[in-house]
Amino acid sequence: EWSCPEAGEVLKKNSVPDWPLLATYLISEASLMKSSRWFSYISALPRQPYSLLYWSQAELDRYLEASQIRERAIERTDNVIGT
């Protein structure tokens, strides 16, 4: 269910993956502030998430050099940028 049905239709029509769909919905609901039925939950979310998506290639190489997570982090970052 979307506060703005038109936005939901556009995203569905273009086969947007789940995570940007959810992010778009949360942004839409957050813009409604206290009038959103999800206000209590949205206001509890961190304002700046900590994520490997914000790491530079040099940081990934340095801190995850021997880790299996490194390749998955690079794939996820490429996927996010591509989407």
Protein backbone atom coordinates (compact mmCIF):
# COMPACT_ATOMS: atom_id res chain seq x y z
CA GLU A 1 0.00 0.00 0.00
CA TRP A 2 1.38 3.40 -1.00
CA SER A 3 0.48 6.87 0.21
CA CYS A 4 0.99 7.90 -3.39
CA PRO A 5 -0.48 5.14 -5.59
CA GLU A 6 0.99 6.70 -8.74
CA ALA A 7 4.53 6.25 -7.44
CA GLY A 8 3.86 2.62 -6.62
CA GLU A 9 2.50 1.98 -10.10
CA VAL A 10 5.53 3.56 -11.78
CA LEU A 11 7.92 1.49 -9.68
CA LYS A 12 6.02 -1.75 -10.30
CA LYS A 13 5.71 -1.05 -14.02
CA ASN A 14 9.50 -0.62 -14.27
CA SER A 15 10.25 -3.77 -12.23
CA VAL A 16 12.20 -1.89 -9.55
CA PRO A 17 13.94 -4.34 -7.14
CA ASP A 18 12.69 -4.68 -3.56
CA TRP A 19 15.31 -2.60 -1.74
CA PRO A 20 14.89 0.66 -3.72
CA LEU A 21 11.15 0.09 -3.63
CA LEU A 22 11.25 -0.04 0.17
CA ALA A 23 13.62 2.94 0.35
CA THR A 24 11.33 4.99 -1.88
CA TYR A 25 8.33 4.06 0.23
CA LEU A 26 10.12 5.05 3.45
CA ILE A 27 11.17 8.38 1.95
CA SER A 28 7.61 8.98 0.82
CA GLU A 29 6.22 8.17 4.27
CA ALA A 30 8.94 10.16 6.04
CA SER A 31 7.96 13.24 4.03
CA LEU A 32 4.48 13.01 5.58
CA MET A 33 6.08 13.37 9.02
CA LYS A 34 3.58 13.01 11.88
CA SER A 35 0.67 12.36 9.53
CA SER A 36 2.28 9.06 8.41
CA ARG A 37 0.94 6.02 10.17
CA TRP A 38 4.56 4.81 10.27
CA PHE A 39 5.93 7.99 11.92
CA SER A 40 6.93 6.31 15.21
CA TYR A 41 8.90 3.65 13.39
CA ILE A 42 10.47 5.95 10.80
CA SER A 43 11.55 8.45 13.45
CA ALA A 44 13.43 5.64 15.21
CA LEU A 45 15.54 4.87 12.13
CA PRO A 46 19.13 6.16 12.07
CA ARG A 47 19.58 9.34 10.05
CA GLN A 48 22.88 8.17 8.57
CA PRO A 49 23.20 4.40 8.13
CA TYR A 50 26.58 2.77 8.54
CA SER A 51 27.21 0.64 5.49
CA LEU A 52 29.98 -0.77 3.36
CA LEU A 53 28.34 1.16 0.52
CA TYR A 54 30.02 4.29 1.85
CA TRP A 55 33.50 2.78 1.87
CA SER A 56 35.96 3.71 -0.85
CA GLN A 57 37.62 1.03 -2.99
CA ALA A 58 40.86 1.63 -1.04
CA GLU A 59 39.07 1.02 2.28
CA LEU A 60 37.49 -2.18 0.96
CA ASP A 61 40.88 -3.37 -0.26
CA ARG A 62 42.63 -2.48 3.00
CA TYR A 63 40.13 -3.67 5.60
CA LEU A 64 38.62 -6.63 3.78
CA GLU A 65 41.70 -7.84 1.92
CA ALA A 66 41.45 -11.49 2.95
CA SER A 67 37.72 -11.55 3.58
CA GLN A 68 35.01 -13.25 1.55
CA ILE A 69 32.87 -10.21 2.28
CA ARG A 70 35.07 -7.98 0.10
CA GLU A 71 33.81 -9.38 -3.22
CA ARG A 72 30.20 -9.36 -2.02
CA ALA A 73 30.59 -5.75 -0.87
CA ILE A 74 31.97 -4.73 -4.27
CA GLU A 75 29.12 -6.57 -6.05
CA ARG A 76 26.51 -4.91 -3.83
CA THR A 77 28.02 -1.45 -4.35
CA ASP A 78 28.06 -1.98 -8.13
CA ASN A 79 24.44 -3.19 -7.96
CA VAL A 80 23.33 -0.14 -5.98
CA ILE A 81 25.11 2.25 -8.33
CA GLY A 82 23.66 0.45 -11.35
CA THR A 83 20.15 0.51 -9.96
